[in-house]
Structure formats: structure tokens, C-alpha cells
PDB file of N, CA and C in Angstrom:
ATOM      1  N   MET A   1      23.065  -0.064  15.012  1.00  0.00           N
ATOM      2  CA  MET A   1      22.476   0.159  14.008  1.00  0.00           C
ATOM      3  C   MET A   1      22.458   1.813  14.275  1.00  0.00           C
ATOM      4  N   ASP A   2      23.048   2.306  13.003  1.00  0.00           N
ATOM      5  CA  ASP A   2      23.264   3.823  12.895  1.00  0.00           C
ATOM      6  C   ASP A   2      22.023   4.391  12.077  1.00  0.00           C
ATOM      7  N   LEU A   3      21.391   4.937  13.014  1.00  0.00           N
ATOM      8  CA  LEU A   3      19.790   5.695  12.714  1.00  0.00           C
ATOM      9  C   LEU A   3      20.097   6.727  11.270  1.00  0.00           C
ATOM     10  N   GLY A   4      21.240   7.463  11.825  1.00  0.00           N
ATOM     11  CA  GLY A   4      21.340   8.637  10.851  1.00  0.00           C
ATOM     12  C   GLY A   4      21.625   8.165   9.333  1.00  0.00           C
ATOM     13  N   ALA A   5      22.814   6.965   9.301  1.00  0.00           N
ATOM     14  CA  ALA A   5      22.951   6.432   8.406  1.00  0.00           C
ATOM     15  C   ALA A   5      21.758   5.587   7.575  1.00  0.00           C
ATOM     16  N   GLU A   6      20.831   5.280   8.460  1.00  0.00           N
ATOM     17  CA  GLU A   6      19.795   4.742   7.489  1.00  0.00           C
ATOM     18  C   GLU A   6      18.902   5.514   7.108  1.00  0.00           C
ATOM     19  N   LEU A   7      18.484   6.917   7.785  1.00  0.00           N
ATOM     20  CA  LEU A   7      17.903   7.944   7.249  1.00  0.00           C
ATOM     21  C   LEU A   7      18.772   8.711   6.044  1.00  0.00           C
ATOM     22  N   ALA A   8      19.870   8.634   6.053  1.00  0.00           N
ATOM     23  CA  ALA A   8      20.675   9.127   4.946  1.00  0.00           C
ATOM     24  C   ALA A   8      20.528   8.217   3.555  1.00  0.00           C
ATOM     25  N   GLU A   9      20.342   7.373   3.997  1.00  0.00           N
ATOM     26  CA  GLU A   9      20.164   5.780   2.876  1.00  0.00           C
ATOM     27  C   GLU A   9      18.999   6.052   2.024  1.00  0.00           C
ATOM     28  N   LEU A  10      17.832   6.356   2.892  1.00  0.00           N
ATOM     29  CA  LEU A  10      16.167   6.397   2.592  1.00  0.00           C
ATOM     30  C   LEU A  10      16.868   7.694   1.669  1.00  0.00           C
ATOM     31  N   ARG A  11      16.954   8.888   2.452  1.00  0.00           N
ATOM     32  CA  ARG A  11      17.305  10.097   1.204  1.00  0.00           C
ATOM     33  C   ARG A  11      17.304   9.997   0.368  1.00  0.00           C
ATOM     34  N   ASP A  12      18.718   9.033   0.311  1.00  0.00           N
ATOM     35  CA  ASP A  12      19.301   8.857  -1.369  1.00  0.00           C
ATOM     36  C   ASP A  12      18.678   7.699  -2.068  1.00  0.00           C
ATOM     37  N   GLN A  13      17.738   7.017  -1.652  1.00  0.00           N
ATOM     38  CA  GLN A  13      16.928   5.853  -2.501  1.00  0.00           C
ATOM     39  C   GLN A  13      15.517   7.104  -2.754  1.00  0.00           C
ATOM     40  N   PHE A  14      15.497   8.139  -1.922  1.00  0.00           N
ATOM     41  CA  PHE A  14      14.100   8.905  -2.365  1.00  0.00           C
ATOM     42  C   PHE A  14      14.167   9.955  -3.337  1.00  0.00           C
ATOM     43  N   ARG A  15      15.844  10.288  -3.437  1.00  0.00           N
ATOM     44  CA  ARG A  15      15.779  11.014  -4.661  1.00  0.00           C
ATOM     45  C   ARG A  15      16.283  10.327  -5.878  1.00  0.00           C
ATOM     46  N   GLU A  16      16.348   8.933  -5.913  1.00  0.00           N
ATOM     47  CA  GLU A  16      16.469   8.025  -6.752  1.00  0.00           C
ATOM     48  C   GLU A  16      15.357   7.583  -7.542  1.00  0.00           C
ATOM     49  N   GLN A  17      14.605   7.175  -6.788  1.00  0.00           N
ATOM     50  CA  GLN A  17      13.017   6.590  -6.755  1.00  0.00           C
ATOM     51  C   GLN A  17      12.306   6.981  -6.097  1.00  0.00           C
ATOM     52  N   PRO A  18      11.497   8.200  -5.904  1.00  0.00           N
ATOM     53  CA  PRO A  18      10.607   8.611  -4.760  1.00  0.00           C
ATOM     54  C   PRO A  18       9.484   7.904  -4.912  1.00  0.00           C
ATOM     55  N   ARG A  19       8.862   7.193  -6.205  1.00  0.00           N
ATOM     56  CA  ARG A  19       7.386   6.898  -6.104  1.00  0.00           C
ATOM     57  C   ARG A  19       7.503   5.081  -5.262  1.00  0.00           C
ATOM     58  N   VAL A  20       8.802   4.590  -5.298  1.00  0.00           N
ATOM     59  CA  VAL A  20       9.251   3.322  -4.930  1.00  0.00           C
ATOM     60  C   VAL A  20       9.359   3.561  -3.338  1.00  0.00           C
ATOM     61  N   VAL A  21       9.661   4.568  -2.730  1.00  0.00           N
ATOM     62  CA  VAL A  21      10.045   4.591  -1.288  1.00  0.00           C
ATOM     63  C   VAL A  21       9.109   5.229  -0.806  1.00  0.00           C
ATOM     64  N   ILE A  22       7.866   6.085  -1.453  1.00  0.00           N
ATOM     65  CA  ILE A  22       6.569   6.536  -0.895  1.00  0.00           C
ATOM     66  C   ILE A  22       5.758   5.546  -0.715  1.00  0.00           C
ATOM     67  N   ARG A  23       5.896   4.520  -2.008  1.00  0.00           N
ATOM     68  CA  ARG A  23       4.805   3.449  -1.679  1.00  0.00           C
ATOM     69  C   ARG A  23       5.277   2.444  -0.793  1.00  0.00           C
ATOM     70  N   GLY A  24       6.594   2.393  -0.548  1.00  0.00           N
ATOM     71  CA  GLY A  24       6.781   1.288   0.219  1.00  0.00           C
ATOM     72  C   GLY A  24       6.527   1.832   1.727  1.00  0.00           C
ATOM     73  N   LEU A  25       6.672   3.052   2.117  1.00  0.00           N
ATOM     74  CA  LEU A  25       6.220   3.970   3.307  1.00  0.00           C
ATOM     75  C   LEU A  25       4.811   3.638   3.428  1.00  0.00           C
ATOM     76  N   GLY A  26       4.464   4.261   2.679  1.00  0.00           N
ATOM     77  CA  GLY A  26       2.591   3.875   2.588  1.00  0.00           C
ATOM     78  C   GLY A  26       2.183   2.425   3.013  1.00  0.00           C
ATOM     79  N   GLU A  27       2.936   1.506   2.291  1.00  0.00           N
ATOM     80  CA  GLU A  27       2.647  -0.064   2.985  1.00  0.00           C
ATOM     81  C   GLU A  27       3.104  -0.022   3.902  1.00  0.00           C
ATOM     82  N   LEU A  28       3.818   0.141   4.862  1.00  0.00           N
ATOM     83  CA  LEU A  28       4.618  -0.032   6.313  1.00  0.00           C
ATOM     84  C   LEU A  28       3.028   0.977   7.128  1.00  0.00           C
ATOM     85  N   VAL A  29       2.429   2.036   6.335  1.00  0.00           N
ATOM     86  CA  VAL A  29       1.708   2.368   7.609  1.00  0.00           C
ATOM     87  C   VAL A  29       0.154   1.697   7.356  1.00  0.00           C
ATOM     88  N   VAL A  30      -0.286   1.408   5.959  1.00  0.00           N
ATOM     89  CA  VAL A  30      -1.107   0.333   6.032  1.00  0.00           C
ATOM     90  C   VAL A  30      -1.325  -0.873   7.017  1.00  0.00           C
ATOM     91  N   VAL A  31      -0.058  -1.651   7.119  1.00  0.00           N
ATOM     92  CA  VAL A  31      -0.203  -2.807   7.795  1.00  0.00           C
ATOM     93  C   VAL A  31       0.132  -2.264   9.428  1.00  0.00           C
ATOM     94  N   ALA A  32       0.733  -1.041   9.870  1.00  0.00           N
ATOM     95  CA  ALA A  32       0.376  -0.890  10.834  1.00  0.00           C
ATOM     96  C   ALA A  32      -0.864  -0.397  11.420  1.00  0.00           C
ATOM     97  N   VAL A  33      -1.771   0.115  10.082  1.00  0.00           N
ATOM     98  CA  VAL A  33      -3.346   0.601  10.806  1.00  0.00           C
ATOM     99  C   VAL A  33      -4.164  -0.790  10.653  1.00  0.00           C
ATOM    100  N   LEU A  34      -3.563  -1.553  10.127  1.00  0.00           N
ATOM    101  CA  LEU A  34      -4.381  -2.912  10.267  1.00  0.00           C
ATOM    102  C   LEU A  34      -4.310  -3.787  11.320  1.00  0.00           C
ATOM    103  N   LEU A  35      -2.952  -3.472  11.863  1.00  0.00           N
ATOM    104  CA  LEU A  35      -2.435  -4.481  12.793  1.00  0.00           C
ATOM    105  C   LEU A  35      -3.300  -3.847  14.194  1.00  0.00           C
ATOM    106  N   VAL A  36      -3.058  -2.372  14.119  1.00  0.00           N
ATOM    107  CA  VAL A  36      -3.696  -1.756  15.432  1.00  0.00           C
ATOM    108  C   VAL A  36      -4.767  -1.994  15.361  1.00  0.00           C
ATOM    109  N   GLY A  37      -5.898  -1.418  14.189  1.00  0.00           N
ATOM    110  CA  GLY A  37      -7.054  -1.888  13.948  1.00  0.00           C
ATOM    111  C   GLY A  37      -7.758  -2.938  14.547  1.00  0.00           C
ATOM    112  N   THR A  38      -6.997  -4.095  14.256  1.00  0.00           N
ATOM    113  CA  THR A  38      -7.345  -5.257  14.627  1.00  0.00           C
ATOM    114  C   THR A  38      -7.386  -5.782  15.812  1.00  0.00           C
ATOM    115  N   SER A  39      -6.543  -5.051  16.428  1.00  0.00           N
ATOM    116  CA  SER A  39      -6.040  -5.648  17.705  1.00  0.00           C
ATOM    117  C   SER A  39      -6.880  -4.645  18.694  1.00  0.00           C
ATOM    118  N   LEU A  40      -7.552  -3.492  18.638  1.00  0.00           N
ATOM    119  CA  LEU A  40      -8.432  -2.883  19.065  1.00  0.00           C
ATOM    120  C   LEU A  40     -10.127  -3.350  18.731  1.00  0.00           C
ATOM    121  N   LEU A  41     -10.155  -3.848  17.283  1.00  0.00           N
ATOM    122  CA  LEU A  41     -11.579  -4.169  17.065  1.00  0.00           C
ATOM    123  C   LEU A  41     -12.132  -5.732  17.444  1.00  0.00           C
ATOM    124  N   LEU A  42     -10.902  -6.403  17.904  1.00  0.00           N
ATOM    125  CA  LEU A  42     -11.002  -7.929  18.019  1.00  0.00           C
ATOM    126  C   LEU A  42     -11.506  -8.302  19.782  1.00  0.00           C
ATOM    127  N   PRO A  43     -11.284  -7.678  20.588  1.00  0.00           N
ATOM    128  CA  PRO A  43     -11.873  -7.866  21.755  1.00  0.00           C
ATOM    129  C   PRO A  43     -13.012  -7.548  21.939  1.00  0.00           C
ATOM    130  N   ARG A  44     -13.737  -6.532  20.973  1.00  0.00           N
ATOM    131  CA  ARG A  44     -15.171  -6.211  20.990  1.00  0.00           C
ATOM    132  C   ARG A  44     -16.056  -6.849  20.087  1.00  0.00           C
ATOM    133  N   SER A  45     -15.429  -7.963  19.086  1.00  0.00           N
ATOM    134  CA  SER A  45     -16.902  -8.295  18.327  1.00  0.00           C
ATOM    135  C   SER A  45     -17.060  -7.268  17.151  1.00  0.00           C
ATOM    136  N   VAL A  46     -18.263  -7.917  16.397  1.00  0.00           N
ATOM    137  CA  VAL A  46     -18.972  -6.971  15.593  1.00  0.00           C
ATOM    138  C   VAL A  46     -20.257  -6.956  16.603  1.00  0.00           C
ATOM    139  N   THR A  47     -20.336  -5.415  16.682  1.00  0.00           N
ATOM    140  CA  THR A  47     -21.614  -4.998  17.050  1.00  0.00           C
ATOM    141  C   THR A  47     -22.263  -3.701  16.217  1.00  0.00           C
ATOM    142  N   GLY A  48     -23.209  -3.018  16.767  1.00  0.00           N
ATOM    143  CA  GLY A  48     -23.947  -2.050  15.876  1.00  0.00           C
ATOM    144  C   GLY A  48     -22.721  -1.229  15.863  1.00  0.00           C
ATOM    145  N   THR A  49     -22.185  -0.886  16.827  1.00  0.00           N
ATOM    146  CA  THR A  49     -21.534   0.576  16.771  1.00  0.00           C
ATOM    147  C   THR A  49     -19.660   0.260  16.298  1.00  0.00           C
ATOM    148  N   THR A  50     -19.458  -0.842  16.248  1.00  0.00           N
ATOM    149  CA  THR A  50     -18.089  -1.375  15.584  1.00  0.00           C
ATOM    150  C   THR A  50     -18.500  -2.022  14.074  1.00  0.00           C
ATOM    151  N   ARG A  51     -19.396  -2.020  13.971  1.00  0.00           N
ATOM    152  CA  ARG A  51     -19.679  -2.436  12.399  1.00  0.00           C
ATOM    153  C   ARG A  51     -19.100  -1.954  11.344  1.00  0.00           C
ATOM    154  N   ALA A  52     -18.902  -0.320  11.399  1.00  0.00           N
ATOM    155  CA  ALA A  52     -18.647   0.206  10.405  1.00  0.00           C
ATOM    156  C   ALA A  52     -16.914   0.125  10.049  1.00  0.00           C
ATOM    157  N   PHE A  53     -16.348   0.274  11.613  1.00  0.00           N
ATOM    158  CA  PHE A  53     -15.157   0.000  11.765  1.00  0.00           C
ATOM    159  C   PHE A  53     -14.782  -1.163  11.148  1.00  0.00           C
ATOM    160  N   TRP A  54     -15.377  -2.193  11.256  1.00  0.00           N
ATOM    161  CA  TRP A  54     -14.976  -3.525  10.890  1.00  0.00           C
ATOM    162  C   TRP A  54     -15.152  -3.429   9.450  1.00  0.00           C
ATOM    163  N   LEU A  55     -16.045  -2.906   8.691  1.00  0.00           N
ATOM    164  CA  LEU A  55     -15.914  -3.073   7.539  1.00  0.00           C
ATOM    165  C   LEU A  55     -15.021  -2.347   6.597  1.00  0.00           C
ATOM    166  N   ALA A  56     -14.626  -0.942   7.394  1.00  0.00           N
ATOM    167  CA  ALA A  56     -13.677  -0.208   6.885  1.00  0.00           C
ATOM    168  C   ALA A  56     -11.859  -0.762   6.884  1.00  0.00           C
ATOM    169  N   LEU A  57     -11.960  -1.491   8.159  1.00  0.00           N
ATOM    170  CA  LEU A  57     -10.805  -2.350   8.270  1.00  0.00           C
ATOM    171  C   LEU A  57     -10.776  -3.667   6.781  1.00  0.00           C
ATOM    172  N   VAL A  58     -11.733  -3.822   6.842  1.00  0.00           N
ATOM    173  CA  VAL A  58     -11.848  -5.129   6.155  1.00  0.00           C
ATOM    174  C   VAL A  58     -11.188  -4.786   4.601  1.00  0.00           C
ATOM    175  N   VAL A  59     -12.434  -3.954   4.005  1.00  0.00           N
ATOM    176  CA  VAL A  59     -12.070  -2.842   2.755  1.00  0.00           C
ATOM    177  C   VAL A  59     -10.605  -2.267   2.655  1.00  0.00           C
ATOM    178  N   LEU A  60      -9.989  -1.792   3.928  1.00  0.00           N
ATOM    179  CA  LEU A  60      -8.449  -1.401   3.727  1.00  0.00           C
ATOM    180  C   LEU A  60      -7.815  -2.666   3.372  1.00  0.00           C
ATOM    181  N   GLY A  61      -7.789  -3.759   4.072  1.00  0.00           N
ATOM    182  CA  GLY A  61      -7.295  -5.095   3.422  1.00  0.00           C
ATOM    183  C   GLY A  61      -6.989  -5.694   2.504  1.00  0.00           C
ATOM    184  N   VAL A  62      -8.575  -5.189   1.856  1.00  0.00           N
ATOM    185  CA  VAL A  62      -8.923  -5.952   0.581  1.00  0.00           C
ATOM    186  C   VAL A  62      -7.813  -5.036  -0.348  1.00  0.00           C
ATOM    187  N   ALA A  63      -8.125  -3.674  -0.435  1.00  0.00           N
ATOM    188  CA  ALA A  63      -7.300  -2.719  -1.044  1.00  0.00           C
ATOM    189  C   ALA A  63      -5.706  -3.075  -1.202  1.00  0.00           C
ATOM    190  N   PHE A  64      -5.567  -3.014   0.094  1.00  0.00           N
ATOM    191  CA  PHE A  64      -3.769  -3.763   0.317  1.00  0.00           C
ATOM    192  C   PHE A  64      -3.566  -4.816  -0.455  1.00  0.00           C
ATOM    193  N   VAL A  65      -4.165  -6.071  -0.518  1.00  0.00           N
ATOM    194  CA  VAL A  65      -3.958  -6.974  -1.357  1.00  0.00           C
ATOM    195  C   VAL A  65      -4.180  -6.943  -3.151  1.00  0.00           C
ATOM    196  N   LEU A  66      -5.093  -6.007  -3.284  1.00  0.00           N
ATOM    197  CA  LEU A  66      -5.566  -6.157  -4.365  1.00  0.00           C
ATOM    198  C   LEU A  66      -4.428  -5.158  -5.354  1.00  0.00           C
ATOM    199  N   LEU A  67      -3.864  -3.991  -4.492  1.00  0.00           N
ATOM    200  CA  LEU A  67      -3.097  -3.176  -5.467  1.00  0.00           C
ATOM    201  C   LEU A  67      -1.736  -3.968  -5.864  1.00  0.00           C
ATOM    202  N   PRO A  68      -1.133  -4.643  -5.378  1.00  0.00           N
ATOM    203  CA  PRO A  68      -0.241  -5.433  -5.837  1.00  0.00           C
ATOM    204  C   PRO A  68      -0.389  -6.735  -6.676  1.00  0.00           C
ATOM    205  N   THR A  69      -1.984  -7.746  -6.472  1.00  0.00           N
ATOM    206  CA  THR A  69      -1.986  -8.286  -7.388  1.00  0.00           C
ATOM    207  C   THR A  69      -2.824  -8.336  -8.485  1.00  0.00           C
ATOM    208  N   LEU A  70      -3.784  -7.834  -8.617  1.00  0.00           N
ATOM    209  CA  LEU A  70      -4.485  -7.062  -9.568  1.00  0.00           C
ATOM    210  C   LEU A  70      -4.232  -6.009 -10.316  1.00  0.00           C
ATOM    211  N   ILE A  71      -4.367  -4.688  -9.596  1.00  0.00           N
ATOM    212  CA  ILE A  71      -4.302  -3.391 -10.116  1.00  0.00           C
ATOM    213  C   ILE A  71      -3.076  -3.215 -10.663  1.00  0.00           C
ATOM    214  N   ASP A  72      -1.817  -3.507 -10.203  1.00  0.00           N
ATOM    215  CA  ASP A  72      -0.042  -3.123 -10.725  1.00  0.00           C
ATOM    216  C   ASP A  72      -0.212  -4.005 -11.749  1.00  0.00           C
ATOM    217  N   PRO A  73      -0.725  -5.322 -12.140  1.00  0.00           N
ATOM    218  CA  PRO A  73      -0.177  -6.159 -13.427  1.00  0.00           C
ATOM    219  C   PRO A  73      -1.024  -5.353 -14.554  1.00  0.00           C
ATOM    220  N   LEU A  74      -2.347  -5.282 -14.015  1.00  0.00           N
ATOM    221  CA  LEU A  74      -3.376  -4.566 -15.343  1.00  0.00           C
ATOM    222  C   LEU A  74      -2.573  -3.359 -15.751  1.00  0.00           C
ATOM    223  N   ARG A  75      -2.332  -1.908 -14.911  1.00  0.00           N
ATOM    224  CA  ARG A  75      -1.622  -0.786 -15.092  1.00  0.00           C
ATOM    225  C   ARG A  75      -0.311  -1.239 -15.986  1.00  0.00           C
ATOM    226  N   HIS A  76       0.413  -2.255 -15.457  1.00  0.00           N
ATOM    227  CA  HIS A  76       1.477  -2.322 -16.473  1.00  0.00           C
ATOM    228  C   HIS A  76       1.118  -2.784 -17.955  1.00  0.00           C
ATOM    229  N   GLU A  77       0.276  -3.746 -17.794  1.00  0.00           N
ATOM    230  CA  GLU A  77       0.112  -4.297 -19.120  1.00  0.00           C
ATOM    231  C   GLU A  77      -0.832  -3.460 -20.084  1.00  0.00           C
ATOM    232  N   TYR A  78      -1.369  -2.214 -19.527  1.00  0.00           N
ATOM    233  CA  TYR A  78      -1.955  -1.347 -20.230  1.00  0.00           C
ATOM    234  C   TYR A  78      -1.108  -0.510 -20.571  1.00  0.00           C
ATOM    235  N   ARG A  79       0.021  -0.170 -19.980  1.00  0.00           N
ATOM    236  CA  ARG A  79       1.111   1.009 -20.473  1.00  0.00           C
ATOM    237  C   ARG A  79       1.427   0.194 -21.418  1.00  0.00           C
ATOM    238  N   ARG A  80       2.158  -1.230 -21.451  1.00  0.00           N
ATOM    239  CA  ARG A  80       2.866  -1.990 -21.976  1.00  0.00           C
ATOM    240  C   ARG A  80       1.932  -1.469 -23.850  1.00  0.00           C
ATOM    241  N   LEU A  81       0.620  -2.381 -23.869  1.00  0.00           N
ATOM    242  CA  LEU A  81      -0.126  -1.634 -24.883  1.00  0.00           C
ATOM    243  C   LEU A  81      -0.135  -0.337 -25.675  1.00  0.00           C
ATOM    244  N   THR A  82      -0.735   0.342 -24.637  1.00  0.00           N
ATOM    245  CA  THR A  82      -0.285   2.060 -25.209  1.00  0.00           C
ATOM    246  C   THR A  82       0.474   2.393 -25.731  1.00  0.00           C
ATOM    247  N   ASP A  83       1.583   2.023 -25.318  1.00  0.00           N
ATOM    248  CA  ASP A  83       3.041   2.675 -25.600  1.00  0.00           C
ATOM    249  C   ASP A  83       3.369   1.473 -27.124  1.00  0.00           C
ATOM    250  N   GLY A  84       3.044   0.519 -27.202  1.00  0.00           N
ATOM    251  CA  GLY A  84       3.156  -0.571 -28.228  1.00  0.00           C
ATOM    252  C   GLY A  84       2.247   0.310 -29.295  1.00  0.00           C
ATOM    253  N   ARG A  85       1.034   0.933 -29.228  1.00  0.00           N
ATOM    254  CA  ARG A  85       0.023   1.087 -30.485  1.00  0.00           C
ATOM    255  C   ARG A  85       0.775   2.500 -31.056  1.00  0.00           C
ATOM    256  N   ASP A  86       1.447   3.623 -30.145  1.00  0.00           N
ATOM    257  CA  ASP A  86       2.006   4.505 -30.390  1.00  0.00           C
ATOM    258  C   ASP A  86       3.451   4.200 -31.235  1.00  0.00           C
ATOM    259  N   GLU A  87       3.935   3.287 -31.430  1.00  0.00           N
ATOM    260  CA  GLU A  87       4.905   2.620 -32.066  1.00  0.00           C
ATOM    261  C   GLU A  87       4.723   2.209 -33.383  1.00  0.00           C
ATOM    262  N   GLN A  88       3.632   1.903 -33.432  1.00  0.00           N
ATOM    263  CA  GLN A  88       3.337   1.343 -34.760  1.00  0.00           C
ATOM    264  C   GLN A  88       2.412   2.053 -35.690  1.00  0.00           C
ATOM    265  N   GLU A  89       2.211   3.747 -35.023  1.00  0.00           N
ATOM    266  CA  GLU A  89       1.390   4.247 -36.014  1.00  0.00           C
ATOM    267  C   GLU A  89       2.281   4.965 -36.298  1.00  0.00           C
TER     268      GLU A  89
END
């Protein structure tokens, strides 16, 4: 696998659709944080000192799941409804 070619392809995709590329890279970072965070916290269990980190990890995971399953469909529906209202007026 040629790393230079892969980076050039990513750069081309970024020029065409920057939001999609940024979101994809952001999702990759979130998954990495969730994996590393879980791996670090799991041996320590839930104690008074790790409770805040566990809570942050769970909130990040919930937000990561809700974004594509709830927020995006609602946003698309809102845009569809508001664009349709402008055409009727």
C-alpha cells in the first residue's frame, strides 16, 4: 500500500467534500479515544477517583451513537421541511 497515494486520494476527497472527510476522521478519533479510554479504565473498575472518567467515556459513547442515529435524521428532516416551506411562499 502506497501511503503517498492514499494521502493524495484523501486530499482530493477533502477538496470535493470537506465535511464528509472531517466527519470521518473525527469518528476515527472518537473510536480510538473510546478504545484507549476503555482499555485504561477497565482494570481500575469504578472508584471515586475514576467515576468522572467513566462518566465522560459513557457520555462520549452515547453522543457517538446518537449523532448518526437520531441527530442527523432530525437535521435532514428539518432541512427538508424548511426548504419546502420556502418554495411554497
